[in-house]
C-alpha atoms as a PDB file:
ATOM      1  CA  MET A   1       0.788  12.760 -25.885  1.00  0.00           C
ATOM      2  CA  SER A   2       0.802  16.622 -25.226  1.00  0.00           C
ATOM      3  CA  SER A   3       4.225  18.341 -25.579  1.00  0.00           C
ATOM      4  CA  SER A   4       3.841  19.278 -21.910  1.00  0.00           C
ATOM      5  CA  GLY A   5       4.612  15.306 -21.009  1.00  0.00           C
ATOM      6  CA  PRO A   6       2.540  13.048 -18.907  1.00  0.00           C
ATOM      7  CA  ASP A   7       0.212  13.532 -16.186  1.00  0.00           C
ATOM      8  CA  LEU A   8       1.715  11.225 -13.659  1.00  0.00           C
ATOM      9  CA  VAL A   9       5.147   9.515 -13.495  1.00  0.00           C
ATOM     10  CA  CYS A  10       5.418   7.369 -10.221  1.00  0.00           C
ATOM     11  CA  GLN A  11       7.960   4.485  -9.239  1.00  0.00           C
ATOM     12  CA  LEU A  12       6.730   1.676  -6.564  1.00  0.00           C
ATOM     13  CA  ASP A  13       9.087  -0.862  -4.748  1.00  0.00           C
ATOM     14  CA  ASN A  14       6.738  -3.345  -3.883  1.00  0.00           C
ATOM     15  CA  VAL A  15       4.612  -4.476  -6.571  1.00  0.00           C
ATOM     16  CA  GLN A  16       3.085  -7.420  -4.603  1.00  0.00           C
ATOM     17  CA  GLY A  17       1.873  -4.895  -2.153  1.00  0.00           C
ATOM     18  CA  MET A  18      -0.101  -2.915  -4.780  1.00  0.00           C
ATOM     19  CA  VAL A  19      -1.344  -6.404  -6.087  1.00  0.00           C
ATOM     20  CA  ASP A  20      -2.787  -7.208  -2.870  1.00  0.00           C
ATOM     21  CA  ALA A  21      -4.682  -3.839  -2.377  1.00  0.00           C
ATOM     22  CA  LEU A  22      -6.241  -3.933  -5.775  1.00  0.00           C
ATOM     23  CA  THR A  23      -7.010  -7.535  -5.592  1.00  0.00           C
ATOM     24  CA  ALA A  24      -8.792  -6.937  -2.098  1.00  0.00           C
ATOM     25  CA  VAL A  25     -11.498  -5.048  -4.095  1.00  0.00           C
ATOM     26  CA  ARG A  26     -11.599  -7.672  -7.270  1.00  0.00           C
ATOM     27  CA  TRP A  27     -15.001  -9.491  -6.198  1.00  0.00           C
ATOM     28  CA  LYS A  28     -15.609 -10.975  -9.974  1.00  0.00           C
ATOM     29  CA  ARG A  29     -13.738 -11.843 -12.751  1.00  0.00           C
ATOM     30  CA  HIS A  30     -14.759  -8.971 -15.147  1.00  0.00           C
ATOM     31  CA  GLN A  31     -14.727  -5.712 -13.623  1.00  0.00           C
ATOM     32  CA  ASP A  32     -14.253  -2.369 -14.938  1.00  0.00           C
ATOM     33  CA  ALA A  33     -12.539   0.214 -12.389  1.00  0.00           C
ATOM     34  CA  VAL A  34     -12.182   4.330 -12.438  1.00  0.00           C
ATOM     35  CA  MET A  35      -8.843   5.721 -11.442  1.00  0.00           C
ATOM     36  CA  GLU A  36      -8.346   9.125 -10.340  1.00  0.00           C
ATOM     37  CA  LEU A  37      -4.858  10.953 -10.247  1.00  0.00           C
ATOM     38  CA  SER A  38      -4.330  13.871  -8.012  1.00  0.00           C
ATOM     39  CA  GLU A  39      -1.171  15.256  -6.294  1.00  0.00           C
ATOM     40  CA  HIS A  40      -2.190  13.396  -3.263  1.00  0.00           C
ATOM     41  CA  GLY A  41      -2.016   9.843  -5.049  1.00  0.00           C
ATOM     42  CA  VAL A  42      -4.172   7.579  -6.754  1.00  0.00           C
ATOM     43  CA  VAL A  43      -7.600   6.216  -6.136  1.00  0.00           C
ATOM     44  CA  LEU A  44      -9.048   3.086  -7.798  1.00  0.00           C
ATOM     45  CA  ILE A  45     -12.715   3.085  -7.828  1.00  0.00           C
ATOM     46  CA  VAL A  46     -15.177  -0.041  -8.442  1.00  0.00           C
ATOM     47  CA  GLU A  47     -18.875  -0.465  -7.993  1.00  0.00           C
ATOM     48  CA  GLU A  48     -21.940  -2.691  -8.501  1.00  0.00           C
ATOM     49  CA  THR A  49     -25.471  -1.922  -9.104  1.00  0.00           C
ATOM     50  CA  ARG A  50     -25.319   1.495  -7.238  1.00  0.00           C
ATOM     51  CA  CYS A  51     -25.396  -0.863  -3.853  1.00  0.00           C
ATOM     52  CA  LEU A  52     -21.544  -1.401  -3.520  1.00  0.00           C
ATOM     53  CA  GLN A  53     -18.784   0.535  -3.935  1.00  0.00           C
ATOM     54  CA  ALA A  54     -15.050   0.215  -2.970  1.00  0.00           C
ATOM     55  CA  LYS A  55     -12.028   2.493  -3.279  1.00  0.00           C
ATOM     56  CA  VAL A  56      -8.222   1.896  -2.945  1.00  0.00           C
ATOM     57  CA  TYR A  57      -6.183   4.931  -1.769  1.00  0.00           C
ATOM     58  CA  LEU A  58      -2.599   4.844  -2.977  1.00  0.00           C
ATOM     59  CA  GLN A  59      -1.308   8.107  -1.310  1.00  0.00           C
ATOM     60  CA  ARG A  60       1.715   9.693  -2.862  1.00  0.00           C
ATOM     61  CA  GLU A  61       4.058   8.622   0.138  1.00  0.00           C
ATOM     62  CA  LEU A  62       4.111   4.738  -0.511  1.00  0.00           C
ATOM     63  CA  PHE A  63       5.585   5.444  -3.831  1.00  0.00           C
ATOM     64  CA  VAL A  64       9.333   6.296  -4.001  1.00  0.00           C
ATOM     65  CA  GLN A  65       8.804   8.538  -6.881  1.00  0.00           C
ATOM     66  CA  TYR A  66       5.662  11.002  -7.552  1.00  0.00           C
ATOM     67  CA  GLU A  67       5.784  13.121 -10.207  1.00  0.00           C
ATOM     68  CA  TYR A  68       2.376  14.851 -10.733  1.00  0.00           C
ATOM     69  CA  SER A  69       1.866  17.615 -13.361  1.00  0.00           C
ATOM     70  CA  ALA A  70      -1.883  17.432 -14.487  1.00  0.00           C
ATOM     71  CA  GLN A  71      -4.478  20.409 -13.875  1.00  0.00           C
ATOM     72  CA  GLY A  72      -7.185  19.166 -11.939  1.00  0.00           C
ATOM     73  CA  ARG A  73      -8.042  15.378 -11.163  1.00  0.00           C
ATOM     74  CA  PRO A  74      -7.833  13.134 -14.522  1.00  0.00           C
ATOM     75  CA  ARG A  75     -10.305  10.271 -14.434  1.00  0.00           C
ATOM     76  CA  PHE A  76      -9.959   7.339 -16.851  1.00  0.00           C
ATOM     77  CA  GLY A  77     -11.480   3.797 -16.895  1.00  0.00           C
ATOM     78  CA  VAL A  78      -9.416   0.395 -16.875  1.00  0.00           C
ATOM     79  CA  SER A  79      -9.922  -3.094 -16.487  1.00  0.00           C
ATOM     80  CA  LEU A  80      -9.186  -4.202 -13.175  1.00  0.00           C
ATOM     81  CA  GLY A  81      -8.452  -7.740 -13.837  1.00  0.00           C
ATOM     82  CA  LEU A  82      -6.200  -6.946 -16.738  1.00  0.00           C
ATOM     83  CA  PHE A  83      -4.316  -4.054 -14.634  1.00  0.00           C
ATOM     84  CA  VAL A  84      -3.769  -6.970 -11.606  1.00  0.00           C
ATOM     85  CA  ASP A  85      -2.646  -9.640 -13.999  1.00  0.00           C
ATOM     86  CA  CYS A  86       0.001  -7.128 -15.798  1.00  0.00           C
ATOM     87  CA  LEU A  87       1.211  -5.985 -12.157  1.00  0.00           C
ATOM     88  CA  ASN A  88       1.588  -9.634 -11.221  1.00  0.00           C
ATOM     89  CA  THR A  89       3.978  -9.987 -14.407  1.00  0.00           C
ATOM     90  CA  PHE A  90       6.429  -7.741 -12.584  1.00  0.00           C
ATOM     91  CA  SER A  91       6.276  -9.402  -9.047  1.00  0.00           C
ATOM     92  CA  VAL A  92       9.050 -11.948  -9.032  1.00  0.00           C
ATOM     93  CA  PRO A  93       9.365 -13.939  -5.498  1.00  0.00           C
ATOM     94  CA  GLY A  94      12.690 -13.121  -4.065  1.00  0.00           C
ATOM     95  CA  ARG A  95      13.581 -10.279  -6.363  1.00  0.00           C
ATOM     96  CA  SER A  96      13.356  -6.474  -6.027  1.00  0.00           C
ATOM     97  CA  ASN A  97      10.623  -5.561  -8.157  1.00  0.00           C
ATOM     98  CA  MET A  98      10.642  -1.739  -8.894  1.00  0.00           C
ATOM     99  CA  ILE A  99       8.228  -0.297 -11.749  1.00  0.00           C
ATOM    100  CA  GLU A 100       7.510   2.946 -13.242  1.00  0.00           C
ATOM    101  CA  ILE A 101       3.806   3.600 -13.965  1.00  0.00           C
ATOM    102  CA  ARG A 102       3.100   6.248 -16.569  1.00  0.00           C
ATOM    103  CA  TYR A 103      -0.104   8.066 -17.674  1.00  0.00           C
ATOM    104  CA  PRO A 104      -0.888   8.820 -20.221  1.00  0.00           C
ATOM    105  CA  GLY A 105       0.900   6.905 -23.257  1.00  0.00           C
ATOM    106  CA  PRO A 106       0.616   8.591 -26.743  1.00  0.00           C
ATOM    107  CA  ASP A 107      -2.614   6.690 -27.230  1.00  0.00           C
ATOM    108  CA  MET A 108      -4.063   7.449 -23.510  1.00  0.00           C
ATOM    109  CA  GLN A 109      -2.339   3.906 -22.440  1.00  0.00           C
ATOM    110  CA  LEU A 110      -1.261   3.276 -18.706  1.00  0.00           C
ATOM    111  CA  LEU A 111       2.073   2.376 -19.141  1.00  0.00           C
ATOM    112  CA  LEU A 112       4.100  -0.023 -16.892  1.00  0.00           C
ATOM    113  CA  LYS A 113       7.830  -0.779 -16.981  1.00  0.00           C
ATOM    114  CA  SER A 114      10.220  -2.454 -14.868  1.00  0.00           C
ATOM    115  CA  VAL A 115      13.256  -0.306 -14.042  1.00  0.00           C
ATOM    116  CA  ASP A 116      15.585  -2.363 -11.735  1.00  0.00           C
ATOM    117  CA  SER A 117      16.626  -5.483 -13.875  1.00  0.00           C
ATOM    118  CA  MET A 118      20.057  -5.044 -15.567  1.00  0.00           C
ATOM    119  CA  ASP A 119      19.193  -8.421 -17.563  1.00  0.00           C
ATOM    120  CA  ALA A 120      15.684  -7.507 -19.367  1.00  0.00           C
ATOM    121  CA  CYS A 121      12.837  -4.865 -19.247  1.00  0.00           C
ATOM    122  CA  ILE A 122       9.383  -5.890 -18.976  1.00  0.00           C
ATOM    123  CA  TYR A 123       7.060  -3.343 -20.497  1.00  0.00           C
ATOM    124  CA  ALA A 124       3.267  -3.314 -20.698  1.00  0.00           C
ATOM    125  CA  GLU A 125       0.620  -1.124 -21.962  1.00  0.00           C
ATOM    126  CA  ILE A 126      -3.236  -0.964 -20.950  1.00  0.00           C
ATOM    127  CA  ARG A 127      -5.700   0.482 -22.852  1.00  0.00           C
ATOM    128  CA  THR A 128      -7.903   3.172 -21.116  1.00  0.00           C
ATOM    129  CA  ARG A 129     -11.152   4.184 -21.820  1.00  0.00           C
ATOM    130  CA  ILE A 130     -13.427   7.350 -20.997  1.00  0.00           C
ATOM    131  CA  PRO A 131     -15.837   6.194 -18.085  1.00  0.00           C
ATOM    132  CA  ASP A 132     -19.397   5.727 -19.085  1.00  0.00           C
ATOM    133  CA  THR A 133     -20.412   7.715 -16.064  1.00  0.00           C
ATOM    134  CA  ILE A 134     -18.399   9.331 -13.491  1.00  0.00           C
ATOM    135  CA  SER A 135     -18.347   6.936 -10.483  1.00  0.00           C
ATOM    136  CA  TRP A 136     -20.884   8.311  -7.632  1.00  0.00           C
ATOM    137  CA  ASP A 137     -19.952   9.118  -4.056  1.00  0.00           C
ATOM    138  CA  TYR A 138     -21.666   7.411  -1.025  1.00  0.00           C
ATOM    139  CA  ASN A 139     -21.803  10.642   1.113  1.00  0.00           C
ATOM    140  CA  PHE A 140     -21.410   8.695   4.154  1.00  0.00           C
ATOM    141  CA  GLU A 141     -22.487  10.417   7.001  1.00  0.00           C
ATOM    142  CA  PRO A 142     -22.179   9.732  10.871  1.00  0.00           C
ATOM    143  CA  ALA A 143     -25.505   8.388  12.414  1.00  0.00           C
ATOM    144  CA  GLY A 144     -25.092  10.713  15.120  1.00  0.00           C
ATOM    145  CA  SER A 145     -22.882  12.448  17.623  1.00  0.00           C
ATOM    146  CA  THR A 146     -21.503   8.799  18.603  1.00  0.00           C
ATOM    147  CA  PRO A 147     -19.922   6.803  16.254  1.00  0.00           C
ATOM    148  CA  LEU A 148     -21.668   3.354  15.621  1.00  0.00           C
ATOM    149  CA  SER A 149     -18.838   1.464  14.732  1.00  0.00           C
ATOM    150  CA  PHE A 150     -16.429  -1.604  15.712  1.00  0.00           C
ATOM    151  CA  THR A 151     -12.967  -3.248  14.939  1.00  0.00           C
ATOM    152  CA  VAL A 152     -12.561  -6.776  14.722  1.00  0.00           C
ATOM    153  CA  LYS A 153      -9.805  -9.029  13.470  1.00  0.00           C
ATOM    154  CA  SER A 154      -9.810  -9.232   9.913  1.00  0.00           C
ATOM    155  CA  ALA A 155      -9.367 -13.111  10.032  1.00  0.00           C
ATOM    156  CA  ALA A 156     -12.213 -13.298  12.405  1.00  0.00           C
ATOM    157  CA  LEU A 157     -14.590 -10.901  10.330  1.00  0.00           C
ATOM    158  CA  LYS A 158     -13.880 -12.990   7.152  1.00  0.00           C
ATOM    159  CA  GLU A 159     -14.373 -16.431   8.813  1.00  0.00           C
ATOM    160  CA  ALA A 160     -17.750 -15.271  10.027  1.00  0.00           C
ATOM    161  CA  ILE A 161     -19.118 -13.886   6.682  1.00  0.00           C
ATOM    162  CA  ASP A 162     -17.715 -16.831   5.045  1.00  0.00           C
ATOM    163  CA  ASP A 163     -19.712 -19.074   7.551  1.00  0.00           C
ATOM    164  CA  LEU A 164     -22.599 -17.017   6.778  1.00  0.00           C
ATOM    165  CA  GLU A 165     -23.060 -18.279   3.224  1.00  0.00           C
ATOM    166  CA  TRP A 166     -25.059 -21.499   4.063  1.00  0.00           C
ATOM    167  CA  PRO A 167     -28.360 -19.584   5.028  1.00  0.00           C
ATOM    168  CA  GLY A 168     -27.483 -17.112   2.426  1.00  0.00           C
ATOM    169  CA  SER A 169     -30.448 -14.610   1.815  1.00  0.00           C
ATOM    170  CA  SER A 170     -29.503 -11.315   3.582  1.00  0.00           C
ATOM    171  CA  ILE A 171     -27.402 -10.812   6.513  1.00  0.00           C
ATOM    172  CA  GLN A 172     -28.836  -8.921   9.504  1.00  0.00           C
ATOM    173  CA  LEU A 173     -26.226  -6.711  11.509  1.00  0.00           C
ATOM    174  CA  THR A 174     -27.136  -5.745  14.735  1.00  0.00           C
ATOM    175  CA  LEU A 175     -24.988  -3.518  17.351  1.00  0.00           C
ATOM    176  CA  GLU A 176     -26.341  -3.461  20.874  1.00  0.00           C
ATOM    177  CA  PRO A 177     -24.866  -1.178  23.661  1.00  0.00           C
ATOM    178  CA  VAL A 178     -25.957  -3.316  26.600  1.00  0.00           C
ATOM    179  CA  PRO A 179     -24.337  -5.806  26.809  1.00  0.00           C
ATOM    180  CA  PRO A 180     -21.922  -4.600  24.120  1.00  0.00           C
ATOM    181  CA  SER A 181     -22.005  -6.706  21.331  1.00  0.00           C
ATOM    182  CA  VAL A 182     -22.089  -7.264  17.254  1.00  0.00           C
ATOM    183  CA  THR A 183     -24.162 -10.065  15.856  1.00  0.00           C
ATOM    184  CA  PHE A 184     -24.225 -11.256  12.347  1.00  0.00           C
ATOM    185  CA  ARG A 185     -27.669 -13.281  11.633  1.00  0.00           C
ATOM    186  CA  GLY A 186     -28.330 -15.150   8.353  1.00  0.00           C
ATOM    187  CA  GLU A 187     -31.806 -16.519   7.940  1.00  0.00           C
ATOM    188  CA  GLY A 188     -32.454 -18.563   4.205  1.00  0.00           C
ATOM    189  CA  HIS A 189     -32.316 -22.219   4.261  1.00  0.00           C
ATOM    190  CA  GLY A 190     -31.470 -22.059   7.656  1.00  0.00           C
ATOM    191  CA  ASP A 191     -30.592 -20.050  10.370  1.00  0.00           C
ATOM    192  CA  LEU A 192     -27.209 -19.104  11.742  1.00  0.00           C
ATOM    193  CA  GLN A 193     -26.108 -16.239  14.022  1.00  0.00           C
ATOM    194  CA  ILE A 194     -22.654 -15.217  15.037  1.00  0.00           C
ATOM    195  CA  ASP A 195     -21.987 -13.053  18.188  1.00  0.00           C
ATOM    196  CA  PHE A 196     -18.944 -11.038  18.965  1.00  0.00           C
ATOM    197  CA  MET A 197     -19.147  -9.967  22.976  1.00  0.00           C
ATOM    198  CA  TYR A 198     -16.868  -7.042  23.494  1.00  0.00           C
ATOM    199  CA  TYR A 199     -15.744  -7.877  27.138  1.00  0.00           C
ATOM    200  CA  VAL A 200     -15.805 -11.330  26.370  1.00  0.00           C
ATOM    201  CA  ASN A 201     -13.836 -11.249  23.181  1.00  0.00           C
ATOM    202  CA  THR A 202     -11.446  -8.244  23.301  1.00  0.00           C
ATOM    203  CA  ASP A 203      -8.846 -10.235  21.179  1.00  0.00           C
ATOM    204  CA  LEU A 204     -11.257 -10.520  18.246  1.00  0.00           C
ATOM    205  CA  LEU A 205     -13.598  -7.471  18.919  1.00  0.00           C
ATOM    206  CA  ILE A 206     -10.731  -4.989  19.412  1.00  0.00           C
ATOM    207  CA  ALA A 207     -13.019  -1.372  19.823  1.00  0.00           C
ATOM    208  CA  PHE A 208     -16.689  -0.699  19.763  1.00  0.00           C
ATOM    209  CA  HIS A 209     -18.452   2.289  20.015  1.00  0.00           C
ATOM    210  CA  CYS A 210     -22.310   2.158  20.263  1.00  0.00           C
ATOM    211  CA  ASP A 211     -24.798   4.194  22.312  1.00  0.00           C
ATOM    212  CA  HIS A 212     -28.187   2.744  21.317  1.00  0.00           C
ATOM    213  CA  ARG A 213     -29.354  -0.526  19.412  1.00  0.00           C
ATOM    214  CA  VAL A 214     -28.991  -0.318  15.592  1.00  0.00           C
ATOM    215  CA  SER A 215     -29.859  -3.116  13.145  1.00  0.00           C
ATOM    216  CA  TYR A 216     -29.755  -3.484   9.509  1.00  0.00           C
ATOM    217  CA  ARG A 217     -30.043  -5.836   6.716  1.00  0.00           C
ATOM    218  CA  TYR A 218     -27.595  -6.417   3.838  1.00  0.00           C
ATOM    219  CA  LYS A 219     -27.467  -8.749   0.700  1.00  0.00           C
ATOM    220  CA  TYR A 220     -24.882 -11.493   1.387  1.00  0.00           C
ATOM    221  CA  LYS A 221     -23.358 -11.182  -1.868  1.00  0.00           C
ATOM    222  CA  PHE A 222     -22.434  -7.371  -1.379  1.00  0.00           C
ATOM    223  CA  LEU A 223     -21.346  -8.216   2.439  1.00  0.00           C
ATOM    224  CA  ARG A 224     -19.016 -11.175   1.224  1.00  0.00           C
ATOM    225  CA  ALA A 225     -17.245  -8.816  -1.469  1.00  0.00           C
ATOM    226  CA  THR A 226     -15.695  -6.735   1.344  1.00  0.00           C
ATOM    227  CA  THR A 227     -13.904  -9.645   2.842  1.00  0.00           C
ATOM    228  CA  SER A 228     -13.627 -12.145   0.098  1.00  0.00           C
ATOM    229  CA  ASN A 229     -10.301 -11.186  -1.186  1.00  0.00           C
ATOM    230  CA  ILE A 230      -8.612 -10.037   2.204  1.00  0.00           C
ATOM    231  CA  PRO A 231      -4.738 -10.219   1.221  1.00  0.00           C
ATOM    232  CA  SER A 232      -3.150 -12.943   3.075  1.00  0.00           C
ATOM    233  CA  SER A 233      -0.641 -10.217   4.399  1.00  0.00           C
ATOM    234  CA  VAL A 234      -3.358  -8.700   6.423  1.00  0.00           C
ATOM    235  CA  ILE A 235      -4.317 -12.068   7.693  1.00  0.00           C
ATOM    236  CA  ARG A 236      -0.480 -12.763   8.893  1.00  0.00           C
ATOM    237  CA  ASP A 237       0.020  -9.359  10.173  1.00  0.00           C
ATOM    238  CA  ASN A 238      -3.096  -9.997  12.493  1.00  0.00           C
ATOM    239  CA  ARG A 239      -4.534  -6.827  11.457  1.00  0.00           C
ATOM    240  CA  GLY A 240      -7.992  -5.304  12.140  1.00  0.00           C
ATOM    241  CA  SER A 241     -11.074  -4.305  10.069  1.00  0.00           C
ATOM    242  CA  LYS A 242     -13.320  -1.250  10.907  1.00  0.00           C
ATOM    243  CA  LEU A 243     -17.019  -1.193  10.427  1.00  0.00           C
ATOM    244  CA  THR A 244     -18.974   1.819  10.899  1.00  0.00           C
ATOM    245  CA  ILE A 245     -22.657   2.467  10.334  1.00  0.00           C
ATOM    246  CA  GLY A 246     -23.746   5.771   9.057  1.00  0.00           C
ATOM    247  CA  ARG A 247     -26.826   7.328   8.449  1.00  0.00           C
ATOM    248  CA  GLY A 248     -29.491   5.403   6.781  1.00  0.00           C
ATOM    249  CA  GLY A 249     -27.695   2.130   7.500  1.00  0.00           C
ATOM    250  CA  MET A 250     -24.983   2.712   5.065  1.00  0.00           C
ATOM    251  CA  LEU A 251     -22.106   0.224   5.884  1.00  0.00           C
ATOM    252  CA  LYS A 252     -18.522   1.153   5.511  1.00  0.00           C
ATOM    253  CA  VAL A 253     -15.768  -1.676   6.018  1.00  0.00           C
ATOM    254  CA  GLN A 254     -11.994  -0.390   6.098  1.00  0.00           C
ATOM    255  CA  HIS A 255      -8.879  -2.591   5.724  1.00  0.00           C
ATOM    256  CA  LEU A 256      -5.090  -1.691   5.898  1.00  0.00           C
ATOM    257  CA  VAL A 257      -3.031  -3.096   3.214  1.00  0.00           C
ATOM    258  CA  SER A 258       0.873  -2.834   3.826  1.00  0.00           C
ATOM    259  CA  VAL A 259       2.842  -1.741   0.685  1.00  0.00           C
ATOM    260  CA  ALA A 260       6.115  -1.469   2.340  1.00  0.00           C
ATOM    261  CA  LYS A 261       9.128  -3.233   0.763  1.00  0.00           C
ATOM    262  CA  PRO A 262       9.506  -6.101   3.101  1.00  0.00           C
ATOM    263  CA  SER A 263      12.879  -6.573   4.749  1.00  0.00           C
ATOM    264  CA  ILE A 264      14.554  -3.692   3.272  1.00  0.00           C
ATOM    265  CA  PRO A 265      14.992  -0.437   4.783  1.00  0.00           C
ATOM    266  CA  HIS A 266      13.199   2.393   3.665  1.00  0.00           C
ATOM    267  CA  PRO A 267      12.876   6.198   4.551  1.00  0.00           C
ATOM    268  CA  TYR A 268       9.245   5.475   5.591  1.00  0.00           C
ATOM    269  CA  VAL A 269      10.182   2.712   7.783  1.00  0.00           C
ATOM    270  CA  ASP A 270      11.630   3.468  11.170  1.00  0.00           C
ATOM    271  CA  SER A 271      14.593   1.860  12.729  1.00  0.00           C
ATOM    272  CA  ALA A 272      12.483  -0.569  14.770  1.00  0.00           C
ATOM    273  CA  GLY A 273      10.842  -1.976  11.617  1.00  0.00           C
ATOM    274  CA  HIS A 274       7.439  -0.281  12.148  1.00  0.00           C
ATOM    275  CA  GLN A 275       5.423   0.890   9.200  1.00  0.00           C
ATOM    276  CA  GLN A 276       4.651   4.512   9.072  1.00  0.00           C
ATOM    277  CA  PRO A 277       1.133   4.958   7.724  1.00  0.00           C
ATOM    278  CA  SER A 278       2.281   6.624   4.732  1.00  0.00           C
ATOM    279  CA  ARG A 279       3.314   2.731   3.697  1.00  0.00           C
ATOM    280  CA  ILE A 280      -0.362   1.476   4.046  1.00  0.00           C
ATOM    281  CA  ALA A 281      -3.046   1.459   1.442  1.00  0.00           C
ATOM    282  CA  TYR A 282      -6.703   2.113   2.660  1.00  0.00           C
ATOM    283  CA  ILE A 283      -9.252   0.153   1.254  1.00  0.00           C
ATOM    284  CA  GLU A 284     -12.719   1.368   1.740  1.00  0.00           C
ATOM    285  CA  PHE A 285     -16.071  -0.609   1.131  1.00  0.00           C
ATOM    286  CA  PHE A 286     -19.839   1.163   1.054  1.00  0.00           C
ATOM    287  CA  VAL A 287     -22.636  -1.372   1.200  1.00  0.00           C
ATOM    288  CA  LYS A 288     -26.175  -0.053   1.023  1.00  0.00           C
ATOM    289  CA  PRO A 289     -28.654  -1.733   3.252  1.00  0.00           C
ATOM    290  CA  GLU A 290     -31.724  -3.354   1.857  1.00  0.00           C
ATOM    291  CA  GLU A 291     -34.457  -1.139   1.520  1.00  0.00           C
ATOM    292  CA  TYR A 292     -37.273  -1.490   4.287  1.00  0.00           C
ATOM    293  CA  GLU A 293     -39.957  -1.478   1.480  1.00  0.00           C
ATOM    294  CA  ASP A 294     -38.515  -4.417  -0.247  1.00  0.00           C
ATOM    295  CA  ILE A 295     -38.033  -6.292   3.176  1.00  0.00           C
ATOM    296  CA  GLN A 296     -41.940  -5.488   3.691  1.00  0.00           C
ATOM    297  CA  ASN A 297     -42.896  -6.514   0.516  1.00  0.00           C
ATOM    298  CA  GLY A 298     -41.176  -9.868   0.489  1.00  0.00           C
ATOM    299  CA  SER A 299     -42.425 -10.548   3.977  1.00  0.00           C
END
């Protein structure tokens, strides 16, 4: 480690919240991730076959301490599964779980340490690596002047996508302005169609913006990855997930995961118990549509 000290030293008072946020983008057992550090917080990026990318935004405001001294934005690779498993060892139900995260260690490790226990100290070192390739950005652009988006209860979205596993194959997502509706349709071993009608299901389809019909197909395994590990806290809090279709059919799926320490006052939680935006981890998935030529060649 250089004499100038570590690039980042931060403390977090809700380990389980961070575990939930990172688990949301863990769609397979062995998964490499890239972590990017900045004065604004930490971003973790995972992707697969240049068709699916997910990002977890951990803003500096959700940490109780955040000391950043690096020049630029350091990036390093880490095993997502190993990182989550290590964090889980610090999460003890019914007890305060304050941890310190430090980077880099003497051999460029990611260092984790419990800091609130008088009896014992848990300490972990995670080996990091230089990323093979810089994780590419998906350059999400609006499809037009009017956003093509809808917000649906996360539990309903997960249930719908889980049900679409039966037909398998690809899933066609269609937005219709009249009547305002969202349709998921799977065709494979069988046909299954799930409709969300805006005026009929306002308790499930919370918001809807669409000024023209749009329809794209997405591989089921990529679509399912966006909801397969939605944390139980998101379902319990009855949160919504926002889906937006961008230029070329790029699908963006956004979830919000609470990282506020439950039942204990915190400067970022007001007197009524409402969590401020700074205590929320933002999860974003980007899913590329199936190429038209692939569809035509397979027809």
